[in-house]
Amino acid sequence: MALYTFIEGNKIKIQPAPYIEDGWYIEIIGTNITVYEIPLFGGDPIEIGDYLTLMDAIKVAESLN
């Protein structure tokens, strides 16, 4: 699976497509790694949880598909 990485100031965002309307993304700020889900048909992102490693976060995010 290809992942897209964006750096926005002190934040790193990882997602499965260059632009997402629904699906998931991972946000990294410092040592905090959080998975978010964007509901189908849009809406505010829902925080799924915080993870200790990037690999754990990716596994959870991929399971949301």
Protein backbone atom coordinates (compact mmCIF):
# COMPACT_ATOMS: atom_id res chain seq x y z
CA MET A 1 0.00 0.00 0.00
CA ALA A 2 1.30 3.44 -0.91
CA LEU A 3 1.05 6.08 1.80
CA TYR A 4 1.28 9.83 1.37
CA THR A 5 3.14 11.91 3.93
CA PHE A 6 2.60 15.63 4.52
CA ILE A 7 4.57 17.85 6.87
CA GLU A 8 2.61 20.81 8.25
CA GLY A 9 4.71 22.81 10.71
CA ASN A 10 5.37 20.52 13.70
CA LYS A 11 2.83 17.95 12.49
CA ILE A 12 3.26 14.93 10.18
CA LYS A 13 0.17 13.53 8.48
CA ILE A 14 0.11 10.10 6.80
CA GLN A 15 -2.82 9.01 4.65
CA PRO A 16 -3.67 6.49 1.90
CA ALA A 17 -4.35 9.09 -0.85
CA PRO A 18 -3.26 12.62 -1.70
CA TYR A 19 -6.76 13.87 -0.83
CA ILE A 20 -9.32 12.02 1.28
CA GLU A 21 -13.03 12.69 1.63
CA ASP A 22 -13.62 9.64 3.78
CA GLY A 23 -11.25 7.10 5.23
CA TRP A 24 -8.39 7.53 7.68
CA TYR A 25 -5.23 9.44 8.43
CA ILE A 26 -2.49 9.29 11.03
CA GLU A 27 -1.25 12.44 12.71
CA ILE A 28 2.12 12.59 14.46
CA ILE A 29 2.97 15.50 16.73
CA GLY A 30 6.18 14.97 18.69
CA THR A 31 5.85 11.47 20.14
CA ASN A 32 2.03 11.38 19.92
CA ILE A 33 0.72 9.11 17.13
CA THR A 34 -3.05 9.34 16.61
CA VAL A 35 -5.36 7.63 14.12
CA TYR A 36 -8.39 9.54 12.84
CA GLU A 37 -11.28 8.37 10.68
CA ILE A 38 -13.20 10.67 8.35
CA PRO A 39 -16.82 9.52 8.06
CA LEU A 40 -18.32 8.51 4.73
CA PHE A 41 -19.89 11.57 3.06
CA GLY A 42 -17.63 13.87 5.09
CA GLY A 43 -17.93 15.36 8.53
CA ASP A 44 -15.51 16.00 11.34
CA PRO A 45 -12.70 13.49 11.84
CA ILE A 46 -13.26 11.00 14.66
CA GLU A 47 -10.30 10.16 16.89
CA ILE A 48 -9.84 6.38 16.92
CA GLY A 49 -6.95 6.26 19.38
CA ASP A 50 -3.34 6.96 20.29
CA TYR A 51 -0.59 4.42 19.58
CA LEU A 52 2.97 3.87 20.75
CA THR A 53 4.39 2.96 17.34
CA LEU A 54 3.69 3.99 13.78
CA MET A 55 3.30 0.34 12.75
CA ASP A 56 0.56 -0.18 15.36
CA ALA A 57 -1.24 2.92 14.08
CA ILE A 58 -0.97 1.77 10.45
CA LYS A 59 -2.38 -1.67 11.31
CA VAL A 60 -5.38 -0.12 13.05
CA ALA A 61 -5.92 2.44 10.28
CA GLU A 62 -5.84 -0.23 7.56
CA SER A 63 -8.42 -2.27 9.48
CA LEU A 64 -10.87 0.65 9.14
CA ASN A 65 -11.21 0.10 5.37
